Amino acid sequence: MANERSDAAQETREAGSTPRPAGTPQSIPVRWDDSNLKSSYANVCNVSSTREEVVLVFGVNQAWERGQQEVRVELSHRIILSPFAAKRLVEVLTNIIKEYEGRFGVLSVDGRRPGEPQYT
């Protein structure tokens, strides 16, 4: 998304448009520093919110077999976002899922595996 804005701003400057009015944010390059990046797997996400923040908690479901008495979820990360950042995340995730489904087919989130019969 940042690259799209940067590319659009560059095209506008190259086209010789007038400068932006004072107080308008300028498009500046973004350098992503991944030197401290750590990767984790999550197959569970819980979301809660207040007026000021949206909290995402990620973890791994430890129930690998059916019929267990208890489902254990090992929580690993808590990400706290402003509502504005959360809304931008929704938009980005919506777009990436649309792309995915366009390439690989519609995802079902009802808990069944593909080809499994639906019980009523």
C-alpha atoms as a PDB file:
ATOM      1  CA  MET A   1       0.000   0.000   0.000  1.00  0.00           C
ATOM      2  CA  ALA A   2       2.803   2.414   0.873  1.00  0.00           C
ATOM      3  CA  ASN A   3       4.543   1.580  -2.395  1.00  0.00           C
ATOM      4  CA  GLU A   4       1.354   2.355  -4.326  1.00  0.00           C
ATOM      5  CA  ARG A   5       1.146   5.791  -2.693  1.00  0.00           C
ATOM      6  CA  SER A   6       4.831   6.414  -3.315  1.00  0.00           C
ATOM      7  CA  ASP A   7       4.515   5.379  -6.980  1.00  0.00           C
ATOM      8  CA  ALA A   8       1.455   7.590  -7.469  1.00  0.00           C
ATOM      9  CA  ALA A   9       3.198  10.556  -5.864  1.00  0.00           C
ATOM     10  CA  GLN A  10       6.247  10.006  -8.066  1.00  0.00           C
ATOM     11  CA  GLU A  11       4.064   9.891 -11.187  1.00  0.00           C
ATOM     12  CA  THR A  12       2.345  13.122 -10.094  1.00  0.00           C
ATOM     13  CA  ARG A  13       5.692  14.889  -9.578  1.00  0.00           C
ATOM     14  CA  GLU A  14       6.947  13.682 -12.943  1.00  0.00           C
ATOM     15  CA  ALA A  15       3.801  14.967 -14.639  1.00  0.00           C
ATOM     16  CA  GLY A  16       4.732  18.484 -13.445  1.00  0.00           C
ATOM     17  CA  SER A  17       1.748  19.072 -11.184  1.00  0.00           C
ATOM     18  CA  THR A  18       1.638  21.973  -8.767  1.00  0.00           C
ATOM     19  CA  PRO A  19       3.186  21.583  -5.305  1.00  0.00           C
ATOM     20  CA  ARG A  20       0.990  20.384  -2.421  1.00  0.00           C
ATOM     21  CA  PRO A  21      -0.641  22.982  -0.176  1.00  0.00           C
ATOM     22  CA  ALA A  22       1.050  23.669   3.168  1.00  0.00           C
ATOM     23  CA  GLY A  23       0.056  21.135   5.826  1.00  0.00           C
ATOM     24  CA  THR A  24      -0.614  18.346   3.320  1.00  0.00           C
ATOM     25  CA  PRO A  25       1.345  15.159   4.132  1.00  0.00           C
ATOM     26  CA  GLN A  26       4.101  14.465   1.641  1.00  0.00           C
ATOM     27  CA  SER A  27       4.784  11.027   0.275  1.00  0.00           C
ATOM     28  CA  ILE A  28       8.135   9.836   1.593  1.00  0.00           C
ATOM     29  CA  PRO A  29       9.853   6.545   0.912  1.00  0.00           C
ATOM     30  CA  VAL A  30       9.330   3.797   3.479  1.00  0.00           C
ATOM     31  CA  ARG A  31      12.268   1.561   4.380  1.00  0.00           C
ATOM     32  CA  TRP A  32      11.162  -1.705   5.994  1.00  0.00           C
ATOM     33  CA  ASP A  33      13.751  -2.812   8.585  1.00  0.00           C
ATOM     34  CA  ASP A  34      13.343  -6.549   9.164  1.00  0.00           C
ATOM     35  CA  SER A  35      16.594  -7.049  11.082  1.00  0.00           C
ATOM     36  CA  ASN A  36      14.674  -7.907  14.295  1.00  0.00           C
ATOM     37  CA  LEU A  37      11.768  -9.682  12.612  1.00  0.00           C
ATOM     38  CA  LYS A  38      10.720 -12.990  14.138  1.00  0.00           C
ATOM     39  CA  SER A  39       8.258 -15.364  12.488  1.00  0.00           C
ATOM     40  CA  SER A  40       5.634 -17.358  14.365  1.00  0.00           C
ATOM     41  CA  TYR A  41       2.834 -19.651  13.306  1.00  0.00           C
ATOM     42  CA  ALA A  42      -0.714 -19.063  14.563  1.00  0.00           C
ATOM     43  CA  ASN A  43      -3.916 -20.964  13.834  1.00  0.00           C
ATOM     44  CA  VAL A  44      -6.029 -19.094  16.420  1.00  0.00           C
ATOM     45  CA  CYS A  45      -6.757 -15.393  16.791  1.00  0.00           C
ATOM     46  CA  ASN A  46      -8.936 -13.687  19.384  1.00  0.00           C
ATOM     47  CA  VAL A  47      -9.988 -10.042  19.103  1.00  0.00           C
ATOM     48  CA  SER A  48     -11.205  -7.600  21.732  1.00  0.00           C
ATOM     49  CA  SER A  49     -11.541  -3.846  21.735  1.00  0.00           C
ATOM     50  CA  THR A  50     -12.130  -0.667  23.670  1.00  0.00           C
ATOM     51  CA  ARG A  51     -12.843   2.789  22.336  1.00  0.00           C
ATOM     52  CA  GLU A  52      -9.104   3.497  22.031  1.00  0.00           C
ATOM     53  CA  GLU A  53      -7.634   0.181  20.880  1.00  0.00           C
ATOM     54  CA  VAL A  54      -8.157  -3.135  19.151  1.00  0.00           C
ATOM     55  CA  VAL A  55      -6.289  -6.082  20.673  1.00  0.00           C
ATOM     56  CA  LEU A  56      -5.375  -9.147  18.619  1.00  0.00           C
ATOM     57  CA  VAL A  57      -4.116 -12.212  20.513  1.00  0.00           C
ATOM     58  CA  PHE A  58      -2.514 -14.989  18.460  1.00  0.00           C
ATOM     59  CA  GLY A  59      -1.803 -18.565  19.435  1.00  0.00           C
ATOM     60  CA  VAL A  60      -1.713 -22.202  18.425  1.00  0.00           C
ATOM     61  CA  ASN A  61      -4.515 -24.672  19.053  1.00  0.00           C
ATOM     62  CA  GLN A  62      -2.887 -27.659  20.760  1.00  0.00           C
ATOM     63  CA  ALA A  63      -5.867 -30.003  20.194  1.00  0.00           C
ATOM     64  CA  TRP A  64      -4.529 -32.224  17.444  1.00  0.00           C
ATOM     65  CA  GLU A  65      -7.021 -35.071  17.949  1.00  0.00           C
ATOM     66  CA  ARG A  66     -10.806 -35.114  18.036  1.00  0.00           C
ATOM     67  CA  GLY A  67     -12.668 -36.083  21.189  1.00  0.00           C
ATOM     68  CA  GLN A  68     -10.371 -34.382  23.684  1.00  0.00           C
ATOM     69  CA  GLN A  69     -11.925 -33.197  26.957  1.00  0.00           C
ATOM     70  CA  GLU A  70     -10.255 -29.800  26.718  1.00  0.00           C
ATOM     71  CA  VAL A  71      -8.895 -27.608  23.963  1.00  0.00           C
ATOM     72  CA  ARG A  72      -5.596 -25.979  24.895  1.00  0.00           C
ATOM     73  CA  VAL A  73      -4.536 -22.831  23.031  1.00  0.00           C
ATOM     74  CA  GLU A  74      -0.978 -21.653  23.625  1.00  0.00           C
ATOM     75  CA  LEU A  75      -0.995 -17.857  23.287  1.00  0.00           C
ATOM     76  CA  SER A  76       2.152 -16.346  21.827  1.00  0.00           C
ATOM     77  CA  HIS A  77       1.586 -12.741  20.708  1.00  0.00           C
ATOM     78  CA  ARG A  78      -0.592  -9.761  21.578  1.00  0.00           C
ATOM     79  CA  ILE A  79      -0.800  -6.965  19.027  1.00  0.00           C
ATOM     80  CA  ILE A  80      -2.472  -3.712  20.064  1.00  0.00           C
ATOM     81  CA  LEU A  81      -3.691  -1.412  17.288  1.00  0.00           C
ATOM     82  CA  SER A  82      -5.459   1.910  17.098  1.00  0.00           C
ATOM     83  CA  PRO A  83      -8.946   1.615  15.560  1.00  0.00           C
ATOM     84  CA  PHE A  84      -7.595   3.404  12.460  1.00  0.00           C
ATOM     85  CA  ALA A  85      -4.752   0.905  12.034  1.00  0.00           C
ATOM     86  CA  ALA A  86      -7.215  -1.952  12.618  1.00  0.00           C
ATOM     87  CA  LYS A  87      -9.485  -0.653   9.862  1.00  0.00           C
ATOM     88  CA  ARG A  88      -6.547  -0.405   7.452  1.00  0.00           C
ATOM     89  CA  LEU A  89      -5.607  -3.992   8.404  1.00  0.00           C
ATOM     90  CA  VAL A  90      -9.161  -5.140   7.601  1.00  0.00           C
ATOM     91  CA  GLU A  91      -8.919  -3.545   4.153  1.00  0.00           C
ATOM     92  CA  VAL A  92      -5.543  -5.133   3.397  1.00  0.00           C
ATOM     93  CA  LEU A  93      -6.653  -8.573   4.624  1.00  0.00           C
ATOM     94  CA  THR A  94      -9.914  -8.353   2.646  1.00  0.00           C
ATOM     95  CA  ASN A  95      -7.946  -7.614  -0.526  1.00  0.00           C
ATOM     96  CA  ILE A  96      -5.432 -10.417   0.026  1.00  0.00           C
ATOM     97  CA  ILE A  97      -8.215 -12.957   0.670  1.00  0.00           C
ATOM     98  CA  LYS A  98     -10.013 -11.855  -2.527  1.00  0.00           C
ATOM     99  CA  GLU A  99      -6.771 -12.406  -4.456  1.00  0.00           C
ATOM    100  CA  TYR A 100      -6.234 -15.802  -2.797  1.00  0.00           C
ATOM    101  CA  GLU A 101      -9.789 -16.967  -3.549  1.00  0.00           C
ATOM    102  CA  GLY A 102      -9.472 -15.761  -7.127  1.00  0.00           C
ATOM    103  CA  ARG A 103      -6.418 -17.990  -7.580  1.00  0.00           C
ATOM    104  CA  PHE A 104      -7.269 -21.014  -5.407  1.00  0.00           C
ATOM    105  CA  GLY A 105     -11.042 -21.023  -4.803  1.00  0.00           C
ATOM    106  CA  VAL A 106     -13.368 -19.851  -2.069  1.00  0.00           C
ATOM    107  CA  LEU A 107     -12.293 -20.462   1.526  1.00  0.00           C
ATOM    108  CA  SER A 108     -14.828 -21.974   3.914  1.00  0.00           C
ATOM    109  CA  VAL A 109     -14.647 -20.867   7.545  1.00  0.00           C
ATOM    110  CA  ASP A 110     -17.380 -23.133   8.926  1.00  0.00           C
ATOM    111  CA  GLY A 111     -14.833 -25.586  10.370  1.00  0.00           C
ATOM    112  CA  ARG A 112     -15.262 -28.335   7.767  1.00  0.00           C
ATOM    113  CA  ARG A 113     -12.476 -29.583   5.584  1.00  0.00           C
ATOM    114  CA  PRO A 114     -12.992 -29.423   1.798  1.00  0.00           C
ATOM    115  CA  GLY A 115     -15.173 -32.328   0.675  1.00  0.00           C
ATOM    116  CA  GLU A 116     -16.431 -33.105   4.201  1.00  0.00           C
ATOM    117  CA  PRO A 117     -20.239 -33.497   4.353  1.00  0.00           C
ATOM    118  CA  GLN A 118     -22.283 -30.867   6.176  1.00  0.00           C
ATOM    119  CA  TYR A 119     -24.251 -32.308   9.107  1.00  0.00           C
ATOM    120  CA  THR A 120     -27.508 -30.698  10.175  1.00  0.00           C
END
